[in-house]
Amino acid sequence: MRVREIDILIVPGWTGSGPNHWQSRWERQLSTARRVEQADWEKPKLSDWVERIVVEVHASTRPPVIVAHSCGVTATIAAAPRIGGRLVGAFLVAPSDLEGRDVWPATDGGFVPLPMEPLPFPSKLIGSSTDPYCTVERAQELGAAWGSDVSIMAGAGHIDTASGHGPWPEGLLTFGMFLKKLG
């Protein structure tokens, strides 16, 4: 698949991925990309986030592919039963394992426990060996449960602006390879 043939739905995590975050850059760069806007980026509620994803997937005029980061990964996974027949694939970056943590407001909004059922669409999960919110072992466990193709980046932090992943050209290349596999 090529970018012009799909709707790319950008699903940020908590705080919504600022202007220098790779997701925001991809949104500006890729002609068919749009952000799934949430009513509250600071105090997320999973059911609200899932509903927005479902609405955007069904509003797509081309086959939709999701690009999710952090808590956006959790929201995408939780939305899977409602979008599975329509979504072409999901590119899942730096999932946040919030179980047992009280670090983010997302822990109060229904983001735990993480769904562990196989996804009804192809997915690529990218984790990091130094992500403070998800260990390598947990990323691999999540990927296995979801049926995702898993890659672990060495020393990439949370794969966000703070860890030096503003432009993230390697991620864009990996996304392109993922799209190629979709057909």
Foldseek 3Di string as FASTA:
>chain_A
DDLVQEAEEEQEAAPQADCLKQSNVVQVVRPRYDYLDFPHSQQDALVRLLVSVLVVLVPIPGQYEYEYAELSLQSCQVNQVNCLVRHAEYEYEQYFCCVPHPPGSVVVRPSPDRDQAAGSHEYAYEAECAAPRAHPVRSVSSCVSNVYHYDYHYQQYRCTVVSPNRNPVVVVVVVVVVVVVSD
